[in-house]
Amino acid sequence: MQGLLVTPSNNWPKSINNLYVEKHKKLEQKCNELNCKLIDFALEFIKSQTYAEAVIVGLCSKSQLLNLIDSWSKDIFKEKINWEKWNISDQSFVDPRFW
């Protein structure tokens, strides 16, 4: 998602479909309820995937690496999350080849 997933919706480009902006705002609200960051939520999703053998992330600094390690080590969910609720299947939005 080229950073959009962890970017607050008010910082998204104006060209993004408002449907996705609103969905992201709901995700931000959920993160506020859970007292977590967007990156925490995203990494928790990855950790919940039993088929994933590895994770590749892009970093620009040592501080980003330390933040990532901190987020990865958190266990923020006391209950199961319905991940389907956050699904976006529109390939024109989620696949950078279509941007």
PDB file of N, CA and C in Angstrom:
ATOM      1  N   MET A   1       0.834  -1.194   0.000  1.00  0.00           N
ATOM      2  CA  MET A   1       0.000   0.000   0.000  1.00  0.00           C
ATOM      3  C   MET A   1       0.877   1.255   0.000  1.00  0.00           C
ATOM      4  N   GLN A   2       2.160   1.063  -0.159  1.00  0.00           N
ATOM      5  CA  GLN A   2       3.080   2.182  -0.313  1.00  0.00           C
ATOM      6  C   GLN A   2       2.941   3.222   0.799  1.00  0.00           C
ATOM      7  N   GLY A   3       2.724   2.776   2.033  1.00  0.00           N
ATOM      8  CA  GLY A   3       2.665   3.670   3.171  1.00  0.00           C
ATOM      9  C   GLY A   3       1.290   4.193   3.534  1.00  0.00           C
ATOM     10  N   LEU A   4       0.295   4.023   2.673  1.00  0.00           N
ATOM     11  CA  LEU A   4      -1.039   4.546   2.985  1.00  0.00           C
ATOM     12  C   LEU A   4      -1.629   3.887   4.219  1.00  0.00           C
ATOM     13  N   LEU A   5      -1.368   2.618   4.399  1.00  0.00           N
ATOM     14  CA  LEU A   5      -1.964   1.893   5.511  1.00  0.00           C
ATOM     15  C   LEU A   5      -1.583   2.503   6.859  1.00  0.00           C
ATOM     16  N   VAL A   6      -0.386   3.003   6.968  1.00  0.00           N
ATOM     17  CA  VAL A   6       0.071   3.569   8.245  1.00  0.00           C
ATOM     18  C   VAL A   6       0.075   5.100   8.246  1.00  0.00           C
ATOM     19  N   THR A   7      -0.529   5.676   7.221  1.00  0.00           N
ATOM     20  CA  THR A   7      -0.640   7.136   7.123  1.00  0.00           C
ATOM     21  C   THR A   7      -2.039   7.567   7.557  1.00  0.00           C
ATOM     22  N   PRO A   8      -2.141   8.543   8.457  1.00  0.00           N
ATOM     23  CA  PRO A   8      -3.466   9.033   8.848  1.00  0.00           C
ATOM     24  C   PRO A   8      -4.262   9.486   7.623  1.00  0.00           C
ATOM     25  N   SER A   9      -5.545   9.209   7.629  1.00  0.00           N
ATOM     26  CA  SER A   9      -6.397   9.499   6.463  1.00  0.00           C
ATOM     27  C   SER A   9      -6.402  10.980   6.085  1.00  0.00           C
ATOM     28  N   ASN A  10      -6.218  11.864   7.033  1.00  0.00           N
ATOM     29  CA  ASN A  10      -6.209  13.299   6.691  1.00  0.00           C
ATOM     30  C   ASN A  10      -4.951  13.696   5.923  1.00  0.00           C
ATOM     31  N   ASN A  11      -3.976  12.778   5.822  1.00  0.00           N
ATOM     32  CA  ASN A  11      -2.760  13.038   5.048  1.00  0.00           C
ATOM     33  C   ASN A  11      -2.756  12.289   3.717  1.00  0.00           C
ATOM     34  N   TRP A  12      -3.845  11.605   3.409  1.00  0.00           N
ATOM     35  CA  TRP A  12      -3.914  10.870   2.142  1.00  0.00           C
ATOM     36  C   TRP A  12      -4.077  11.850   0.977  1.00  0.00           C
ATOM     37  N   PRO A  13      -3.587  11.470  -0.198  1.00  0.00           N
ATOM     38  CA  PRO A  13      -3.787  12.318  -1.385  1.00  0.00           C
ATOM     39  C   PRO A  13      -5.277  12.518  -1.667  1.00  0.00           C
ATOM     40  N   LYS A  14      -5.619  13.679  -2.135  1.00  0.00           N
ATOM     41  CA  LYS A  14      -7.029  14.005  -2.429  1.00  0.00           C
ATOM     42  C   LYS A  14      -7.594  13.141  -3.556  1.00  0.00           C
ATOM     43  N   SER A  15      -6.741  12.532  -4.353  1.00  0.00           N
ATOM     44  CA  SER A  15      -7.199  11.720  -5.478  1.00  0.00           C
ATOM     45  C   SER A  15      -7.737  10.347  -5.064  1.00  0.00           C
ATOM     46  N   ILE A  16      -7.544   9.971  -3.798  1.00  0.00           N
ATOM     47  CA  ILE A  16      -8.006   8.664  -3.317  1.00  0.00           C
ATOM     48  C   ILE A  16      -9.526   8.688  -3.165  1.00  0.00           C
ATOM     49  N   ASN A  17     -10.150   7.630  -3.620  1.00  0.00           N
ATOM     50  CA  ASN A  17     -11.600   7.469  -3.526  1.00  0.00           C
ATOM     51  C   ASN A  17     -12.049   7.676  -2.073  1.00  0.00           C
ATOM     52  N   ASN A  18     -13.064   8.515  -1.878  1.00  0.00           N
ATOM     53  CA  ASN A  18     -13.541   8.841  -0.534  1.00  0.00           C
ATOM     54  C   ASN A  18     -14.031   7.608   0.232  1.00  0.00           C
ATOM     55  N   LEU A  19     -14.502   6.595  -0.464  1.00  0.00           N
ATOM     56  CA  LEU A  19     -14.930   5.346   0.168  1.00  0.00           C
ATOM     57  C   LEU A  19     -13.781   4.736   0.977  1.00  0.00           C
ATOM     58  N   TYR A  20     -12.580   4.754   0.405  1.00  0.00           N
ATOM     59  CA  TYR A  20     -11.424   4.189   1.085  1.00  0.00           C
ATOM     60  C   TYR A  20     -10.933   5.091   2.216  1.00  0.00           C
ATOM     61  N   VAL A  21     -11.061   6.381   2.019  1.00  0.00           N
ATOM     62  CA  VAL A  21     -10.681   7.326   3.073  1.00  0.00           C
ATOM     63  C   VAL A  21     -11.573   7.104   4.303  1.00  0.00           C
ATOM     64  N   GLU A  22     -12.869   6.963   4.072  1.00  0.00           N
ATOM     65  CA  GLU A  22     -13.812   6.733   5.178  1.00  0.00           C
ATOM     66  C   GLU A  22     -13.535   5.407   5.874  1.00  0.00           C
ATOM     67  N   LYS A  23     -13.205   4.381   5.100  1.00  0.00           N
ATOM     68  CA  LYS A  23     -12.887   3.086   5.696  1.00  0.00           C
ATOM     69  C   LYS A  23     -11.632   3.202   6.565  1.00  0.00           C
ATOM     70  N   HIS A  24     -10.673   3.966   6.086  1.00  0.00           N
ATOM     71  CA  HIS A  24      -9.438   4.152   6.852  1.00  0.00           C
ATOM     72  C   HIS A  24      -9.707   4.948   8.133  1.00  0.00           C
ATOM     73  N   LYS A  25     -10.616   5.909   8.060  1.00  0.00           N
ATOM     74  CA  LYS A  25     -10.981   6.660   9.267  1.00  0.00           C
ATOM     75  C   LYS A  25     -11.567   5.719  10.322  1.00  0.00           C
ATOM     76  N   LYS A  26     -12.364   4.745   9.885  1.00  0.00           N
ATOM     77  CA  LYS A  26     -12.912   3.753  10.827  1.00  0.00           C
ATOM     78  C   LYS A  26     -11.803   2.908  11.424  1.00  0.00           C
ATOM     79  N   LEU A  27     -10.801   2.589  10.612  1.00  0.00           N
ATOM     80  CA  LEU A  27      -9.652   1.847  11.130  1.00  0.00           C
ATOM     81  C   LEU A  27      -8.904   2.672  12.173  1.00  0.00           C
ATOM     82  N   GLU A  28      -8.758   3.958  11.908  1.00  0.00           N
ATOM     83  CA  GLU A  28      -8.104   4.841  12.880  1.00  0.00           C
ATOM     84  C   GLU A  28      -8.901   4.896  14.189  1.00  0.00           C
ATOM     85  N   GLN A  29     -10.228   4.925  14.090  1.00  0.00           N
ATOM     86  CA  GLN A  29     -11.069   4.912  15.289  1.00  0.00           C
ATOM     87  C   GLN A  29     -10.875   3.622  16.068  1.00  0.00           C
ATOM     88  N   LYS A  30     -10.798   2.492  15.344  1.00  0.00           N
ATOM     89  CA  LYS A  30     -10.579   1.198  15.999  1.00  0.00           C
ATOM     90  C   LYS A  30      -9.237   1.192  16.721  1.00  0.00           C
ATOM     91  N   CYS A  31      -8.226   1.738  16.080  1.00  0.00           N
ATOM     92  CA  CYS A  31      -6.906   1.822  16.713  1.00  0.00           C
ATOM     93  C   CYS A  31      -6.960   2.689  17.972  1.00  0.00           C
ATOM     94  N   ASN A  32      -7.709   3.782  17.923  1.00  0.00           N
ATOM     95  CA  ASN A  32      -7.867   4.626  19.111  1.00  0.00           C
ATOM     96  C   ASN A  32      -8.537   3.854  20.239  1.00  0.00           C
ATOM     97  N   GLU A  33      -9.571   3.063  19.895  1.00  0.00           N
ATOM     98  CA  GLU A  33     -10.257   2.242  20.904  1.00  0.00           C
ATOM     99  C   GLU A  33      -9.305   1.237  21.538  1.00  0.00           C
ATOM    100  N   LEU A  34      -8.413   0.679  20.727  1.00  0.00           N
ATOM    101  CA  LEU A  34      -7.468  -0.330  21.208  1.00  0.00           C
ATOM    102  C   LEU A  34      -6.193   0.275  21.787  1.00  0.00           C
ATOM    103  N   ASN A  35      -6.098   1.604  21.704  1.00  0.00           N
ATOM    104  CA  ASN A  35      -4.909   2.321  22.170  1.00  0.00           C
ATOM    105  C   ASN A  35      -3.651   1.802  21.465  1.00  0.00           C
ATOM    106  N   CYS A  36      -3.751   1.710  20.146  1.00  0.00           N
ATOM    107  CA  CYS A  36      -2.610   1.246  19.356  1.00  0.00           C
ATOM    108  C   CYS A  36      -2.418   2.151  18.145  1.00  0.00           C
ATOM    109  N   LYS A  37      -1.314   1.944  17.449  1.00  0.00           N
ATOM    110  CA  LYS A  37      -1.005   2.691  16.236  1.00  0.00           C
ATOM    111  C   LYS A  37      -1.444   1.878  15.023  1.00  0.00           C
ATOM    112  N   LEU A  38      -1.548   2.537  13.884  1.00  0.00           N
ATOM    113  CA  LEU A  38      -1.904   1.850  12.646  1.00  0.00           C
ATOM    114  C   LEU A  38      -0.912   0.734  12.329  1.00  0.00           C
ATOM    115  N   ILE A  39       0.369   0.970  12.560  1.00  0.00           N
ATOM    116  CA  ILE A  39       1.380  -0.062  12.291  1.00  0.00           C
ATOM    117  C   ILE A  39       1.183  -1.263  13.207  1.00  0.00           C
ATOM    118  N   ASP A  40       0.784  -1.022  14.454  1.00  0.00           N
ATOM    119  CA  ASP A  40       0.516  -2.133  15.389  1.00  0.00           C
ATOM    120  C   ASP A  40      -0.597  -3.017  14.829  1.00  0.00           C
ATOM    121  N   PHE A  41      -1.662  -2.381  14.350  1.00  0.00           N
ATOM    122  CA  PHE A  41      -2.820  -3.099  13.820  1.00  0.00           C
ATOM    123  C   PHE A  41      -2.421  -3.893  12.577  1.00  0.00           C
ATOM    124  N   ALA A  42      -1.671  -3.257  11.685  1.00  0.00           N
ATOM    125  CA  ALA A  42      -1.245  -3.923  10.454  1.00  0.00           C
ATOM    126  C   ALA A  42      -0.364  -5.133  10.746  1.00  0.00           C
ATOM    127  N   LEU A  43       0.572  -4.974  11.660  1.00  0.00           N
ATOM    128  CA  LEU A  43       1.455  -6.095  11.996  1.00  0.00           C
ATOM    129  C   LEU A  43       0.710  -7.205  12.720  1.00  0.00           C
ATOM    130  N   GLU A  44      -0.282  -6.850  13.498  1.00  0.00           N
ATOM    131  CA  GLU A  44      -1.097  -7.867  14.164  1.00  0.00           C
ATOM    132  C   GLU A  44      -1.841  -8.715  13.132  1.00  0.00           C
ATOM    133  N   PHE A  45      -2.306  -8.064  12.067  1.00  0.00           N
ATOM    134  CA  PHE A  45      -2.941  -8.813  10.988  1.00  0.00           C
ATOM    135  C   PHE A  45      -1.956  -9.799  10.376  1.00  0.00           C
ATOM    136  N   ILE A  46      -0.765  -9.330  10.083  1.00  0.00           N
ATOM    137  CA  ILE A  46       0.250 -10.203   9.480  1.00  0.00           C
ATOM    138  C   ILE A  46       0.547 -11.381  10.399  1.00  0.00           C
ATOM    139  N   LYS A  47       0.692 -11.114  11.691  1.00  0.00           N
ATOM    140  CA  LYS A  47       0.999 -12.191  12.639  1.00  0.00           C
ATOM    141  C   LYS A  47      -0.132 -13.207  12.733  1.00  0.00           C
ATOM    142  N   SER A  48      -1.352 -12.805  12.410  1.00  0.00           N
ATOM    143  CA  SER A  48      -2.495 -13.715  12.506  1.00  0.00           C
ATOM    144  C   SER A  48      -2.605 -14.649  11.300  1.00  0.00           C
ATOM    145  N   GLN A  49      -1.824 -14.382  10.262  1.00  0.00           N
ATOM    146  CA  GLN A  49      -1.889 -15.192   9.043  1.00  0.00           C
ATOM    147  C   GLN A  49      -1.005 -16.427   9.185  1.00  0.00           C
ATOM    148  N   THR A  50      -1.621 -17.592   9.254  1.00  0.00           N
ATOM    149  CA  THR A  50      -0.861 -18.825   9.480  1.00  0.00           C
ATOM    150  C   THR A  50      -0.017 -19.233   8.277  1.00  0.00           C
ATOM    151  N   TYR A  51      -0.356 -18.766   7.094  1.00  0.00           N
ATOM    152  CA  TYR A  51       0.386 -19.158   5.897  1.00  0.00           C
ATOM    153  C   TYR A  51       1.645 -18.323   5.670  1.00  0.00           C
ATOM    154  N   ALA A  52       1.783 -17.209   6.365  1.00  0.00           N
ATOM    155  CA  ALA A  52       2.933 -16.315   6.155  1.00  0.00           C
ATOM    156  C   ALA A  52       4.182 -16.904   6.812  1.00  0.00           C
ATOM    157  N   GLU A  53       5.227 -17.032   6.018  1.00  0.00           N
ATOM    158  CA  GLU A  53       6.495 -17.533   6.531  1.00  0.00           C
ATOM    159  C   GLU A  53       7.460 -16.407   6.871  1.00  0.00           C
ATOM    160  N   ALA A  54       7.271 -15.262   6.242  1.00  0.00           N
ATOM    161  CA  ALA A  54       8.176 -14.130   6.443  1.00  0.00           C
ATOM    162  C   ALA A  54       7.440 -12.840   6.128  1.00  0.00           C
ATOM    163  N   VAL A  55       8.015 -11.737   6.572  1.00  0.00           N
ATOM    164  CA  VAL A  55       7.454 -10.413   6.324  1.00  0.00           C
ATOM    165  C   VAL A  55       8.575  -9.527   5.792  1.00  0.00           C
ATOM    166  N   ILE A  56       8.274  -8.799   4.734  1.00  0.00           N
ATOM    167  CA  ILE A  56       9.248  -7.861   4.177  1.00  0.00           C
ATOM    168  C   ILE A  56       8.695  -6.454   4.369  1.00  0.00           C
ATOM    169  N   VAL A  57       9.508  -5.593   4.964  1.00  0.00           N
ATOM    170  CA  VAL A  57       9.101  -4.205   5.179  1.00  0.00           C
ATOM    171  C   VAL A  57      10.205  -3.282   4.674  1.00  0.00           C
ATOM    172  N   GLY A  58       9.825  -2.076   4.372  1.00  0.00           N
ATOM    173  CA  GLY A  58      10.800  -1.073   3.973  1.00  0.00           C
ATOM    174  C   GLY A  58      11.043  -0.104   5.123  1.00  0.00           C
ATOM    175  N   LEU A  59      12.278   0.224   5.330  1.00  0.00           N
ATOM    176  CA  LEU A  59      12.651   1.147   6.407  1.00  0.00           C
ATOM    177  C   LEU A  59      13.605   2.204   5.873  1.00  0.00           C
ATOM    178  N   CYS A  60      13.569   3.361   6.510  1.00  0.00           N
ATOM    179  CA  CYS A  60      14.457   4.451   6.097  1.00  0.00           C
ATOM    180  C   CYS A  60      15.437   4.862   7.184  1.00  0.00           C
ATOM    181  N   SER A  61      15.245   4.356   8.406  1.00  0.00           N
ATOM    182  CA  SER A  61      16.110   4.804   9.494  1.00  0.00           C
ATOM    183  C   SER A  61      16.149   3.781  10.626  1.00  0.00           C
ATOM    184  N   LYS A  62      17.105   3.961  11.492  1.00  0.00           N
ATOM    185  CA  LYS A  62      17.223   3.110  12.671  1.00  0.00           C
ATOM    186  C   LYS A  62      15.999   3.273  13.571  1.00  0.00           C
ATOM    187  N   SER A  63      15.496   4.508  13.693  1.00  0.00           N
ATOM    188  CA  SER A  63      14.331   4.735  14.556  1.00  0.00           C
ATOM    189  C   SER A  63      13.096   4.007  14.008  1.00  0.00           C
ATOM    190  N   GLN A  64      12.962   3.953  12.676  1.00  0.00           N
ATOM    191  CA  GLN A  64      11.850   3.195  12.107  1.00  0.00           C
ATOM    192  C   GLN A  64      11.992   1.707  12.427  1.00  0.00           C
ATOM    193  N   LEU A  65      13.209   1.190  12.377  1.00  0.00           N
ATOM    194  CA  LEU A  65      13.448  -0.207  12.729  1.00  0.00           C
ATOM    195  C   LEU A  65      13.078  -0.467  14.183  1.00  0.00           C
ATOM    196  N   LEU A  66      13.490   0.414  15.058  1.00  0.00           N
ATOM    197  CA  LEU A  66      13.174   0.241  16.488  1.00  0.00           C
ATOM    198  C   LEU A  66      11.664   0.317  16.723  1.00  0.00           C
ATOM    199  N   ASN A  67      10.983   1.228  16.041  1.00  0.00           N
ATOM    200  CA  ASN A  67       9.521   1.315  16.161  1.00  0.00           C
ATOM    201  C   ASN A  67       8.851   0.048  15.644  1.00  0.00           C
ATOM    202  N   LEU A  68       9.374  -0.484  14.555  1.00  0.00           N
ATOM    203  CA  LEU A  68       8.825  -1.714  13.987  1.00  0.00           C
ATOM    204  C   LEU A  68       9.002  -2.887  14.948  1.00  0.00           C
ATOM    205  N   ILE A  69      10.170  -3.002  15.537  1.00  0.00           N
ATOM    206  CA  ILE A  69      10.425  -4.073  16.515  1.00  0.00           C
ATOM    207  C   ILE A  69       9.484  -3.928  17.697  1.00  0.00           C
ATOM    208  N   ASP A  70       9.293  -2.703  18.167  1.00  0.00           N
ATOM    209  CA  ASP A  70       8.378  -2.449  19.284  1.00  0.00           C
ATOM    210  C   ASP A  70       6.950  -2.859  18.919  1.00  0.00           C
ATOM    211  N   SER A  71       6.500  -2.479  17.733  1.00  0.00           N
ATOM    212  CA  SER A  71       5.146  -2.822  17.289  1.00  0.00           C
ATOM    213  C   SER A  71       4.989  -4.329  17.140  1.00  0.00           C
ATOM    214  N   TRP A  72       5.991  -4.989  16.574  1.00  0.00           N
ATOM    215  CA  TRP A  72       5.919  -6.437  16.350  1.00  0.00           C
ATOM    216  C   TRP A  72       5.792  -7.190  17.674  1.00  0.00           C
ATOM    217  N   SER A  73       6.425  -6.689  18.714  1.00  0.00           N
ATOM    218  CA  SER A  73       6.438  -7.405  19.994  1.00  0.00           C
ATOM    219  C   SER A  73       5.168  -7.185  20.816  1.00  0.00           C
ATOM    220  N   LYS A  74       4.303  -6.271  20.402  1.00  0.00           N
ATOM    221  CA  LYS A  74       3.070  -6.008  21.139  1.00  0.00           C
ATOM    222  C   LYS A  74       2.043  -7.112  20.908  1.00  0.00           C
ATOM    223  N   ASP A  75       1.189  -7.285  21.888  1.00  0.00           N
ATOM    224  CA  ASP A  75       0.042  -8.183  21.765  1.00  0.00           C
ATOM    225  C   ASP A  75      -1.165  -7.339  22.147  1.00  0.00           C
ATOM    226  N   ILE A  76      -1.750  -6.657  21.155  1.00  0.00           N
ATOM    227  CA  ILE A  76      -2.752  -5.636  21.461  1.00  0.00           C
ATOM    228  C   ILE A  76      -4.176  -6.140  21.534  1.00  0.00           C
ATOM    229  N   PHE A  77      -4.430  -7.334  21.017  1.00  0.00           N
ATOM    230  CA  PHE A  77      -5.811  -7.798  20.940  1.00  0.00           C
ATOM    231  C   PHE A  77      -6.127  -8.802  22.034  1.00  0.00           C
ATOM    232  N   LYS A  78      -7.132  -8.488  22.801  1.00  0.00           N
ATOM    233  CA  LYS A  78      -7.599  -9.405  23.842  1.00  0.00           C
ATOM    234  C   LYS A  78      -8.649 -10.356  23.281  1.00  0.00           C
ATOM    235  N   GLU A  79      -9.216  -9.977  22.136  1.00  0.00           N
ATOM    236  CA  GLU A  79     -10.251 -10.785  21.487  1.00  0.00           C
ATOM    237  C   GLU A  79      -9.887 -10.947  20.024  1.00  0.00           C
ATOM    238  N   LYS A  80     -10.527 -11.888  19.363  1.00  0.00           N
ATOM    239  CA  LYS A  80     -10.280 -12.095  17.939  1.00  0.00           C
ATOM    240  C   LYS A  80     -10.863 -10.924  17.142  1.00  0.00           C
ATOM    241  N   ILE A  81     -10.151 -10.546  16.112  1.00  0.00           N
ATOM    242  CA  ILE A  81     -10.594  -9.472  15.229  1.00  0.00           C
ATOM    243  C   ILE A  81     -11.187 -10.104  13.966  1.00  0.00           C
ATOM    244  N   ASN A  82     -12.291  -9.560  13.506  1.00  0.00           N
ATOM    245  CA  ASN A  82     -12.873  -9.986  12.247  1.00  0.00           C
ATOM    246  C   ASN A  82     -12.145  -9.238  11.133  1.00  0.00           C
ATOM    247  N   TRP A  83     -11.096  -9.845  10.602  1.00  0.00           N
ATOM    248  CA  TRP A  83     -10.263  -9.187   9.604  1.00  0.00           C
ATOM    249  C   TRP A  83     -11.018  -8.918   8.311  1.00  0.00           C
ATOM    250  N   GLU A  84     -12.026  -9.729   8.011  1.00  0.00           N
ATOM    251  CA  GLU A  84     -12.803  -9.527   6.781  1.00  0.00           C
ATOM    252  C   GLU A  84     -13.442  -8.137   6.743  1.00  0.00           C
ATOM    253  N   LYS A  85     -13.746  -7.609   7.906  1.00  0.00           N
ATOM    254  CA  LYS A  85     -14.364  -6.278   7.996  1.00  0.00           C
ATOM    255  C   LYS A  85     -13.473  -5.203   7.359  1.00  0.00           C
ATOM    256  N   TRP A  86     -12.171  -5.428   7.383  1.00  0.00           N
ATOM    257  CA  TRP A  86     -11.228  -4.421   6.894  1.00  0.00           C
ATOM    258  C   TRP A  86     -10.752  -4.716   5.473  1.00  0.00           C
ATOM    259  N   ASN A  87     -11.280  -5.755   4.869  1.00  0.00           N
ATOM    260  CA  ASN A  87     -10.861  -6.179   3.541  1.00  0.00           C
ATOM    261  C   ASN A  87     -11.213  -5.138   2.470  1.00  0.00           C
ATOM    262  N   ILE A  88     -10.265  -4.906   1.574  1.00  0.00           N
ATOM    263  CA  ILE A  88     -10.505  -4.117   0.365  1.00  0.00           C
ATOM    264  C   ILE A  88     -10.002  -4.976  -0.790  1.00  0.00           C
ATOM    265  N   SER A  89     -10.905  -5.401  -1.649  1.00  0.00           N
ATOM    266  CA  SER A  89     -10.527  -6.319  -2.728  1.00  0.00           C
ATOM    267  C   SER A  89     -10.384  -5.633  -4.086  1.00  0.00           C
ATOM    268  N   ASP A  90     -10.601  -4.357  -4.138  1.00  0.00           N
ATOM    269  CA  ASP A  90     -10.488  -3.604  -5.388  1.00  0.00           C
ATOM    270  C   ASP A  90      -9.010  -3.528  -5.797  1.00  0.00           C
ATOM    271  N   GLN A  91      -8.628  -4.317  -6.806  1.00  0.00           N
ATOM    272  CA  GLN A  91      -7.232  -4.382  -7.234  1.00  0.00           C
ATOM    273  C   GLN A  91      -6.701  -3.033  -7.717  1.00  0.00           C
ATOM    274  N   SER A  92      -7.573  -2.191  -8.249  1.00  0.00           N
ATOM    275  CA  SER A  92      -7.114  -0.882  -8.728  1.00  0.00           C
ATOM    276  C   SER A  92      -6.652   0.001  -7.569  1.00  0.00           C
ATOM    277  N   PHE A  93      -7.046  -0.351  -6.358  1.00  0.00           N
ATOM    278  CA  PHE A  93      -6.630   0.418  -5.186  1.00  0.00           C
ATOM    279  C   PHE A  93      -5.450  -0.232  -4.471  1.00  0.00           C
ATOM    280  N   VAL A  94      -5.463  -1.555  -4.325  1.00  0.00           N
ATOM    281  CA  VAL A  94      -4.448  -2.220  -3.507  1.00  0.00           C
ATOM    282  C   VAL A  94      -3.212  -2.663  -4.286  1.00  0.00           C
ATOM    283  N   ASP A  95      -3.273  -2.707  -5.594  1.00  0.00           N
ATOM    284  CA  ASP A  95      -2.147  -3.164  -6.403  1.00  0.00           C
ATOM    285  C   ASP A  95      -1.461  -1.969  -7.058  1.00  0.00           C
ATOM    286  N   PRO A  96      -0.219  -1.664  -6.653  1.00  0.00           N
ATOM    287  CA  PRO A  96       0.498  -0.489  -7.190  1.00  0.00           C
ATOM    288  C   PRO A  96       0.651  -0.506  -8.710  1.00  0.00           C
ATOM    289  N   ARG A  97       0.565  -1.664  -9.351  1.00  0.00           N
ATOM    290  CA  ARG A  97       0.690  -1.714 -10.804  1.00  0.00           C
ATOM    291  C   ARG A  97      -0.435  -0.954 -11.500  1.00  0.00           C
ATOM    292  N   PHE A  98      -1.540  -0.726 -10.780  1.00  0.00           N
ATOM    293  CA  PHE A  98      -2.691  -0.039 -11.356  1.00  0.00           C
ATOM    294  C   PHE A  98      -2.746   1.445 -11.021  1.00  0.00           C
ATOM    295  N   TRP A  99      -1.767   1.936 -10.296  1.00  0.00           N
ATOM    296  CA  TRP A  99      -1.816   3.339  -9.864  1.00  0.00           C
ATOM    297  C   TRP A  99      -1.391   4.242 -10.976  1.00  0.00           C
TER     298      TRP A  99
END
